[in-house]
Amino acid sequence: MSPPIQALITGIGGFVGPHLAAHLLAHGYQVTGLIHEGVDRDPPPALDHPQFRSVRLIPFHLAHPQSIQDALDLAQPQALFHLAGYSSVRGSFSQPAETFQANCRGLENLLEALRIVRPDCRFIFAGSADEYGLQIVSEEHYRWALETFRSVFPPPARIPELPIDELNPLRPLSPYAVSKVYGDYLCRTYWNAYNLPCLVARLFNHEGPGRGEGFVTSSIIRQCQQLARREIDCIRIGNVCAFRDWSHVADIVQGYRALAENGAPGEAYVLGSSRMNSVLTYLLISLREVGYEVQSLATLDGARRVDAPLEPDPAPFLGLKFDKPRIDGLLLSGELSYDLSDRGLTIRTDQGDLTVIFDPALYRPADVPLQISNPERAQRIGFKITRSLREIIIDQLGHT
């Protein structure tokens, strides 16, 4: 019987870290986690469970190269999953320097320590779908993008540019996204220049139990629960027309393991669900799961009413077939749209009308309008999507 693979996880106390640790332990790995220096040596709250009893925690600091080398000497990892860093897209606009310090300088220190101490360790970098940023859907969308952003570089080689795979152009739209592009290229440079076996996971949105504050899905879940308990009388939200490719975190951590075991060093892999749904759909399904049967919705002045917005819509979009409700079909076709000038929505339910307020403070200075992945390359090495959007929401509701 071969000895267990030694895995090291940075950011083990965050949202994804405990899910990845549990998955690796269940598949025979021995897991060590790096926690920020100065934090209490007791397990982070997310790891305070008997299943994590065997996980060793080592303090380190991404800004201190010697502390990283010391941690690597202790852990002796064969696979390192780098999840630590600044993760808020919206927050990166107000804190760009902190974002680059954590996500760029910290990564530099980590890779250099690996090169010196553990040059054979497989390194899996948590990239992001935000690296792709603006992807062009149509000629009309391209004209709009040129007017809005003043340039689109590189220009599209094909229109539409969806679904997104590893060869799509990178057009980041936030400091966070830029920091991930930097990390993406740096990791692959360390493979080309130093033979350090680095792989990049370009992760589309993933949600589930334990998602922290500061993310639109956790805000939706929290407010829907408060509404159901009659603690609030309206929901405040930002851009409801943004479309995201949402996966369950349990599927994503399985993808991390597939990359560690079967991925090719120096390469990037898209991990996503091959479906996209609007923020509005995430809200409507969440309302339904806390007990509100959604019947219709309209702007606050009664315009652009949609009946049965969650009724399934089987029509393909750009030739792509994926699960989506009627409201998403109307938004994607351009027949419908909602923006700040509408001020909000009235949602009619079996328990009366609910009010949704569009909050200007929750809108990003620049937002990615559409994302849908093509994860075929990762699927060829074992990545699988097994859970629906509804299952993601149910698990979030059950663990908040």
Protein backbone atom coordinates (compact mmCIF):
# COMPACT_ATOMS: atom_id res chain seq x y z
CA MET A 1 0.00 0.00 0.00
CA SER A 2 1.52 3.33 -1.08
CA PRO A 3 1.88 6.12 1.51
CA PRO A 4 -0.68 8.94 1.46
CA ILE A 5 -0.03 11.97 -0.73
CA GLN A 6 1.09 14.95 1.35
CA ALA A 7 -1.16 17.90 0.49
CA LEU A 8 -0.68 21.48 1.66
CA ILE A 9 -3.48 24.07 1.50
CA THR A 10 -2.98 27.81 1.89
CA GLY A 11 -6.13 29.63 2.97
CA ILE A 12 -7.41 26.47 4.60
CA GLY A 13 -9.63 28.44 6.99
CA GLY A 14 -11.51 30.23 4.20
CA PHE A 15 -14.60 29.23 2.26
CA VAL A 16 -13.13 26.59 -0.06
CA GLY A 17 -10.30 25.35 2.20
CA PRO A 18 -12.37 23.15 4.55
CA HIS A 19 -14.30 21.64 1.61
CA LEU A 20 -11.03 20.81 -0.16
CA ALA A 21 -9.47 19.41 3.03
CA ALA A 22 -12.48 17.15 3.66
CA HIS A 23 -12.45 15.94 0.05
CA LEU A 24 -8.72 15.17 0.07
CA LEU A 25 -8.94 13.38 3.42
CA ALA A 26 -11.78 11.25 2.08
CA HIS A 27 -9.52 10.23 -0.81
CA GLY A 28 -6.58 9.18 1.33
CA TYR A 29 -4.48 12.33 1.37
CA GLN A 30 -2.65 13.62 4.42
CA VAL A 31 -3.50 17.30 4.76
CA THR A 32 -1.57 20.22 6.23
CA GLY A 33 -2.94 23.75 6.28
CA LEU A 34 -1.09 27.05 6.37
CA ILE A 35 -2.69 29.68 8.59
CA HIS A 36 -1.71 33.33 8.87
CA GLU A 37 0.99 34.10 11.40
CA GLY A 38 -0.35 35.74 14.54
CA VAL A 39 -3.64 33.83 14.40
CA ASP A 40 -4.45 31.64 17.39
CA ARG A 41 -3.01 28.13 17.02
CA ASP A 42 -6.44 26.62 17.63
CA PRO A 43 -8.20 25.46 14.44
CA PRO A 44 -10.10 28.14 12.49
CA PRO A 45 -13.84 27.83 13.22
CA ALA A 46 -14.46 26.16 9.86
CA LEU A 47 -12.03 23.36 10.83
CA ASP A 48 -13.40 22.80 14.33
CA HIS A 49 -14.87 19.41 13.51
CA PRO A 50 -13.71 15.83 14.28
CA GLN A 51 -13.16 15.06 10.58
CA PHE A 52 -10.29 17.57 10.59
CA ARG A 53 -8.56 16.13 13.67
CA SER A 54 -5.67 14.80 11.57
CA VAL A 55 -5.06 18.11 9.79
CA ARG A 56 -1.85 19.81 10.90
CA LEU A 57 -1.81 23.62 10.94
CA ILE A 58 1.36 25.63 10.40
CA PRO A 59 1.59 29.42 10.81
CA PHE A 60 3.14 31.41 7.97
CA HIS A 61 2.98 34.83 6.32
CA LEU A 62 2.94 35.36 2.55
CA ALA A 63 4.90 38.59 3.00
CA HIS A 64 7.72 36.79 4.86
CA PRO A 65 9.70 34.45 2.57
CA GLN A 66 11.54 32.75 5.44
CA SER A 67 8.29 31.80 7.18
CA ILE A 68 7.10 30.22 3.91
CA GLN A 69 10.31 28.22 3.54
CA ASP A 70 10.08 27.06 7.15
CA ALA A 71 6.48 25.94 6.62
CA LEU A 72 7.42 24.03 3.47
CA ASP A 73 10.30 22.33 5.31
CA LEU A 74 7.85 21.16 7.96
CA ALA A 75 5.05 20.09 5.63
CA GLN A 76 7.13 18.47 2.84
CA PRO A 77 4.18 18.71 0.42
CA GLN A 78 3.81 16.77 -2.79
CA ALA A 79 0.82 18.88 -3.87
CA LEU A 80 0.17 22.48 -2.83
CA PHE A 81 -3.23 24.11 -3.36
CA HIS A 82 -2.90 27.91 -3.19
CA LEU A 83 -6.27 29.29 -2.08
CA ALA A 84 -5.08 32.18 0.11
CA GLY A 85 -5.37 35.77 -1.05
CA TYR A 86 -7.71 38.71 -1.47
CA SER A 87 -10.95 37.41 -3.00
CA SER A 88 -13.43 40.30 -3.23
CA VAL A 89 -13.96 41.68 -6.74
CA ARG A 90 -15.99 44.67 -5.54
CA GLY A 91 -13.59 45.33 -2.65
CA SER A 92 -10.60 45.31 -5.00
CA PHE A 93 -11.80 48.57 -6.58
CA SER A 94 -11.43 50.39 -3.26
CA GLN A 95 -8.36 48.41 -2.13
CA PRO A 96 -6.24 47.77 -5.22
CA ALA A 97 -2.89 48.01 -3.41
CA GLU A 98 -3.94 45.45 -0.79
CA THR A 99 -5.22 43.20 -3.57
CA PHE A 100 -1.93 43.27 -5.47
CA GLN A 101 0.12 42.87 -2.29
CA ALA A 102 -1.73 39.71 -1.29
CA ASN A 103 -2.33 38.16 -4.68
CA CYS A 104 0.85 39.15 -6.55
CA ARG A 105 3.66 39.76 -4.06
CA GLY A 106 2.50 36.91 -1.85
CA LEU A 107 2.41 34.51 -4.79
CA GLU A 108 5.91 35.57 -5.84
CA ASN A 109 7.22 34.70 -2.37
CA LEU A 110 5.42 31.36 -2.34
CA LEU A 111 6.65 30.23 -5.76
CA GLU A 112 10.21 31.29 -5.01
CA ALA A 113 10.16 29.36 -1.73
CA LEU A 114 8.85 26.29 -3.56
CA ARG A 115 11.59 26.60 -6.18
CA ILE A 116 14.22 26.55 -3.42
CA VAL A 117 12.69 24.08 -0.95
CA ARG A 118 10.25 21.79 -2.83
CA PRO A 119 10.94 22.04 -6.59
CA ASP A 120 9.07 18.79 -7.34
CA CYS A 121 5.85 19.79 -5.55
CA ARG A 122 2.82 20.09 -7.84
CA PHE A 123 1.39 23.59 -7.40
CA ILE A 124 -2.30 24.27 -8.14
CA PHE A 125 -3.13 27.96 -8.40
CA ALA A 126 -6.69 29.19 -7.80
CA GLY A 127 -7.22 31.42 -10.81
CA SER A 128 -10.56 32.95 -11.71
CA ALA A 129 -13.10 33.30 -14.51
CA ASP A 130 -12.76 37.05 -13.88
CA GLU A 131 -9.49 36.83 -15.79
CA TYR A 132 -11.61 36.58 -18.94
CA GLY A 133 -13.59 39.70 -18.08
CA LEU A 134 -15.40 41.07 -21.10
CA GLN A 135 -16.35 38.37 -23.62
CA ILE A 136 -18.23 39.48 -26.73
CA VAL A 137 -21.68 38.00 -27.40
CA SER A 138 -22.75 39.77 -30.61
CA GLU A 139 -21.80 42.56 -33.03
CA GLU A 140 -24.17 44.86 -31.14
CA HIS A 141 -22.50 43.91 -27.86
CA TYR A 142 -19.09 44.63 -29.43
CA ARG A 143 -20.21 48.14 -30.46
CA TRP A 144 -21.55 48.72 -26.94
CA ALA A 145 -18.26 47.50 -25.41
CA LEU A 146 -16.20 49.85 -27.60
CA GLU A 147 -18.39 52.80 -26.54
CA THR A 148 -18.38 51.81 -22.86
CA PHE A 149 -14.74 50.75 -22.33
CA ARG A 150 -13.16 52.81 -25.18
CA SER A 151 -11.13 49.79 -26.27
CA VAL A 152 -11.46 46.02 -26.40
CA PHE A 153 -8.07 44.31 -26.42
CA PRO A 154 -7.37 41.94 -27.90
CA PRO A 155 -10.17 42.41 -30.42
CA PRO A 156 -12.41 39.37 -30.85
CA ALA A 157 -11.22 36.75 -33.33
CA ARG A 158 -14.74 35.31 -33.39
CA ILE A 159 -18.18 36.50 -32.34
CA PRO A 160 -19.74 35.16 -30.16
CA GLU A 161 -16.89 34.34 -27.78
CA LEU A 162 -19.03 32.07 -25.60
CA PRO A 163 -18.70 29.50 -24.13
CA ILE A 164 -15.37 30.30 -22.51
CA ASP A 165 -12.50 27.84 -22.70
CA GLU A 166 -8.75 28.04 -22.06
CA LEU A 167 -8.10 29.82 -25.39
CA ASN A 168 -10.45 32.75 -24.87
CA PRO A 169 -8.75 36.16 -24.59
CA LEU A 170 -8.09 37.59 -21.12
CA ARG A 171 -9.71 41.01 -20.65
CA PRO A 172 -9.84 41.65 -16.88
CA LEU A 173 -12.23 44.33 -15.63
CA SER A 174 -11.18 44.72 -11.97
CA PRO A 175 -8.00 44.95 -9.89
CA TYR A 176 -8.84 41.51 -8.51
CA ALA A 177 -9.05 40.07 -12.03
CA VAL A 178 -5.74 41.71 -13.02
CA SER A 179 -4.07 40.15 -9.96
CA LYS A 180 -5.32 36.73 -11.04
CA VAL A 181 -4.06 37.20 -14.60
CA TYR A 182 -0.67 38.07 -13.11
CA GLY A 183 -0.71 34.90 -11.01
CA ASP A 184 -1.84 32.81 -13.96
CA TYR A 185 1.12 33.91 -16.09
CA LEU A 186 3.61 33.81 -13.22
CA CYS A 187 2.76 30.20 -12.38
CA ARG A 188 3.17 29.07 -15.95
CA THR A 189 6.43 31.03 -16.20
CA TYR A 190 7.81 29.13 -13.22
CA TRP A 191 7.10 25.89 -15.09
CA ASN A 192 8.73 27.15 -18.30
CA ALA A 193 11.75 28.73 -16.60
CA TYR A 194 12.34 26.51 -13.55
CA ASN A 195 10.43 23.27 -14.22
CA LEU A 196 8.27 23.92 -11.15
CA PRO A 197 5.14 21.84 -11.90
CA CYS A 198 2.48 24.58 -11.70
CA LEU A 199 -1.11 24.23 -12.92
CA VAL A 200 -3.78 26.93 -13.13
CA ALA A 201 -7.44 26.34 -12.28
CA ARG A 202 -9.54 29.07 -13.90
CA LEU A 203 -12.50 28.81 -11.58
CA PHE A 204 -15.95 30.03 -12.43
CA ASN A 205 -18.24 31.06 -9.57
CA HIS A 206 -18.67 28.41 -6.90
CA GLU A 207 -20.97 28.57 -3.92
CA GLY A 208 -22.20 26.37 -1.09
CA PRO A 209 -22.13 25.93 2.69
CA GLY A 210 -19.88 28.41 4.47
CA ARG A 211 -19.76 31.11 1.80
CA GLY A 212 -18.66 34.25 3.67
CA GLU A 213 -20.08 37.73 3.69
CA GLY A 214 -19.24 40.20 0.94
CA PHE A 215 -20.49 38.02 -1.94
CA VAL A 216 -23.77 38.51 -3.76
CA THR A 217 -25.00 34.96 -3.13
CA SER A 218 -24.40 35.10 0.61
CA SER A 219 -26.17 38.47 0.72
CA ILE A 220 -29.13 36.99 -1.16
CA ILE A 221 -29.31 33.96 1.14
CA ARG A 222 -29.07 36.05 4.31
CA GLN A 223 -31.72 38.56 3.21
CA CYS A 224 -34.15 35.86 2.04
CA GLN A 225 -33.89 34.17 5.42
CA GLN A 226 -34.38 37.50 7.21
CA LEU A 227 -37.38 38.24 5.03
CA ALA A 228 -38.92 34.86 5.85
CA ARG A 229 -38.44 35.58 9.57
CA ARG A 230 -40.02 39.05 9.08
CA GLU A 231 -36.80 40.73 10.24
CA ILE A 232 -36.62 42.95 7.13
CA ASP A 233 -39.29 44.26 4.77
CA CYS A 234 -37.30 44.49 1.52
CA ILE A 235 -34.22 43.12 -0.20
CA ARG A 236 -31.36 45.39 -1.30
CA ILE A 237 -29.21 44.23 -4.19
CA GLY A 238 -26.95 45.41 -7.03
CA ASN A 239 -26.97 44.35 -10.69
CA VAL A 240 -29.59 41.61 -11.04
CA CYS A 241 -28.95 41.21 -14.77
CA ALA A 242 -25.38 39.91 -14.44
CA PHE A 243 -25.10 36.26 -15.52
CA ARG A 244 -22.71 33.87 -13.81
CA ASP A 245 -21.67 30.25 -14.26
CA TRP A 246 -22.35 28.85 -10.77
CA SER A 247 -21.02 25.49 -9.52
CA HIS A 248 -21.30 23.79 -6.16
CA VAL A 249 -18.08 24.06 -4.15
CA ALA A 250 -18.09 20.26 -3.70
CA ASP A 251 -17.81 19.83 -7.48
CA ILE A 252 -15.02 22.40 -7.68
CA VAL A 253 -12.84 20.74 -5.03
CA GLN A 254 -13.21 17.46 -6.92
CA GLY A 255 -11.83 19.39 -9.90
CA TYR A 256 -8.86 20.58 -7.85
CA ARG A 257 -7.98 16.95 -7.08
CA ALA A 258 -8.37 15.98 -10.75
CA LEU A 259 -5.85 18.68 -11.68
CA ALA A 260 -3.41 17.62 -8.95
CA GLU A 261 -3.53 13.98 -10.03
CA ASN A 262 -3.98 14.18 -13.80
CA GLY A 263 -3.33 17.74 -15.01
CA ALA A 264 -0.41 18.78 -17.20
CA PRO A 265 2.08 21.23 -15.63
CA GLY A 266 2.24 24.62 -17.27
CA GLU A 267 -1.37 24.43 -18.42
CA ALA A 268 -4.61 26.18 -17.45
CA TYR A 269 -7.93 24.39 -16.93
CA VAL A 270 -11.43 25.88 -16.88
CA LEU A 271 -13.59 24.59 -14.01
CA GLY A 272 -17.25 25.53 -14.38
CA SER A 273 -20.78 24.19 -14.79
CA SER A 274 -21.51 24.91 -18.50
CA ARG A 275 -24.62 26.85 -17.51
CA MET A 276 -25.31 30.47 -16.66
CA ASN A 277 -28.04 32.11 -14.66
CA SER A 278 -28.76 35.66 -13.65
CA VAL A 279 -28.38 37.11 -10.18
CA LEU A 280 -32.13 37.68 -10.38
CA THR A 281 -32.72 33.94 -10.87
CA TYR A 282 -30.50 33.18 -7.87
CA LEU A 283 -32.70 35.53 -5.84
CA LEU A 284 -35.99 34.10 -7.12
CA ILE A 285 -35.00 30.48 -6.47
CA SER A 286 -33.78 31.46 -2.99
CA LEU A 287 -37.13 33.10 -2.26
CA ARG A 288 -38.94 29.98 -3.41
CA GLU A 289 -36.77 27.78 -1.19
CA VAL A 290 -37.54 29.86 1.93
CA GLY A 291 -41.27 29.50 1.30
CA TYR A 292 -42.38 32.16 -1.20
CA GLU A 293 -44.04 30.89 -4.38
CA VAL A 294 -43.02 33.48 -6.98
CA GLN A 295 -45.89 34.34 -9.32
CA SER A 296 -44.72 37.41 -11.25
CA LEU A 297 -42.41 40.39 -11.11
CA ALA A 298 -42.33 43.94 -12.50
CA THR A 299 -40.54 47.23 -11.98
CA LEU A 300 -41.69 49.35 -9.05
CA ASP A 301 -43.94 51.35 -11.39
CA GLY A 302 -45.52 48.15 -12.75
CA ALA A 303 -43.67 48.09 -16.08
CA ARG A 304 -42.04 45.08 -17.78
CA ARG A 305 -44.09 42.51 -15.93
CA VAL A 306 -43.11 38.85 -16.27
CA ASP A 307 -45.51 36.10 -15.20
CA ALA A 308 -44.20 32.74 -14.00
CA PRO A 309 -40.56 33.90 -14.16
CA LEU A 310 -39.20 30.55 -12.91
CA GLU A 311 -41.00 28.46 -15.50
CA PRO A 312 -38.37 26.41 -17.41
CA ASP A 313 -37.20 27.85 -20.72
CA PRO A 314 -35.87 25.11 -23.06
CA ALA A 315 -34.75 27.47 -25.87
CA PRO A 316 -30.99 27.41 -26.56
CA PHE A 317 -28.88 30.57 -26.30
CA LEU A 318 -26.17 31.00 -28.95
CA GLY A 319 -26.72 27.33 -29.74
CA LEU A 320 -25.99 26.36 -26.12
CA LYS A 321 -28.50 24.29 -24.14
CA PHE A 322 -28.51 24.61 -20.35
CA ASP A 323 -31.05 24.77 -17.54
CA LYS A 324 -32.56 28.22 -17.22
CA PRO A 325 -35.94 29.77 -16.29
CA ARG A 326 -38.14 32.06 -18.35
CA ILE A 327 -36.75 35.23 -16.79
CA ASP A 328 -33.24 34.33 -17.94
CA GLY A 329 -34.42 33.57 -21.45
CA LEU A 330 -35.99 37.04 -21.68
CA LEU A 331 -32.88 38.76 -20.29
CA LEU A 332 -30.53 36.86 -22.60
CA SER A 333 -32.65 37.55 -25.68
CA GLY A 334 -32.62 41.28 -24.97
CA GLU A 335 -36.41 41.38 -24.70
CA LEU A 336 -36.08 42.47 -21.08
CA SER A 337 -33.65 44.35 -18.89
CA TYR A 338 -33.57 46.06 -15.51
CA ASP A 339 -31.14 48.74 -14.34
CA LEU A 340 -30.63 51.39 -11.67
CA SER A 341 -33.12 53.76 -13.32
CA ASP A 342 -35.88 51.26 -12.44
CA ARG A 343 -34.99 51.66 -8.74
CA GLY A 344 -36.14 48.10 -8.01
CA LEU A 345 -38.71 45.37 -8.52
CA THR A 346 -42.00 44.21 -7.05
CA ILE A 347 -42.18 40.43 -6.77
CA ARG A 348 -45.68 39.00 -6.42
CA THR A 349 -45.84 35.81 -4.33
CA ASP A 350 -48.45 33.61 -2.71
CA GLN A 351 -47.74 35.50 0.55
CA GLY A 352 -48.09 38.99 -0.89
CA ASP A 353 -45.83 41.43 -2.68
CA LEU A 354 -42.09 41.68 -1.92
CA THR A 355 -39.93 44.70 -2.71
CA VAL A 356 -36.43 44.52 -4.15
CA ILE A 357 -34.42 47.76 -4.08
CA PHE A 358 -31.53 48.38 -6.48
CA ASP A 359 -28.77 49.85 -4.32
CA PRO A 360 -26.21 52.00 -6.22
CA ALA A 361 -23.58 51.19 -3.58
CA LEU A 362 -23.80 47.51 -4.54
CA TYR A 363 -23.04 48.07 -8.22
CA ARG A 364 -19.46 47.57 -9.43
CA PRO A 365 -17.64 50.29 -11.41
CA ALA A 366 -17.22 47.68 -14.17
CA ASP A 367 -19.08 44.39 -14.25
CA VAL A 368 -18.78 41.26 -16.38
CA PRO A 369 -22.21 40.86 -18.04
CA LEU A 370 -22.12 37.18 -19.12
CA GLN A 371 -20.09 34.12 -18.18
CA ILE A 372 -20.52 30.51 -19.26
CA SER A 373 -17.75 27.94 -19.27
CA ASN A 374 -16.60 25.15 -21.54
CA PRO A 375 -14.79 22.78 -19.13
CA GLU A 376 -14.27 19.95 -21.64
CA ARG A 377 -10.51 19.94 -21.13
CA ALA A 378 -10.85 19.46 -17.36
CA GLN A 379 -13.58 16.87 -17.91
CA ARG A 380 -11.13 14.79 -19.93
CA ILE A 381 -8.95 14.43 -16.82
CA GLY A 382 -11.81 13.59 -14.45
CA PHE A 383 -13.64 16.82 -13.52
CA LYS A 384 -17.42 16.40 -13.11
CA ILE A 385 -20.40 18.65 -12.37
CA THR A 386 -23.02 16.73 -10.40
CA ARG A 387 -25.13 19.37 -8.61
CA SER A 388 -27.80 21.78 -9.88
CA LEU A 389 -28.21 25.48 -9.10
CA ARG A 390 -31.14 24.62 -6.83
CA GLU A 391 -28.97 22.17 -4.87
CA ILE A 392 -26.34 24.89 -4.40
CA ILE A 393 -28.95 27.26 -2.97
CA ILE A 394 -30.50 24.61 -0.71
CA ASP A 395 -27.08 23.79 0.76
CA GLN A 396 -26.36 27.48 1.34
CA LEU A 397 -29.69 27.97 3.07
CA GLY A 398 -29.14 24.95 5.26
CA HIS A 399 -25.74 26.05 6.55
CA THR A 400 -26.09 29.77 7.30
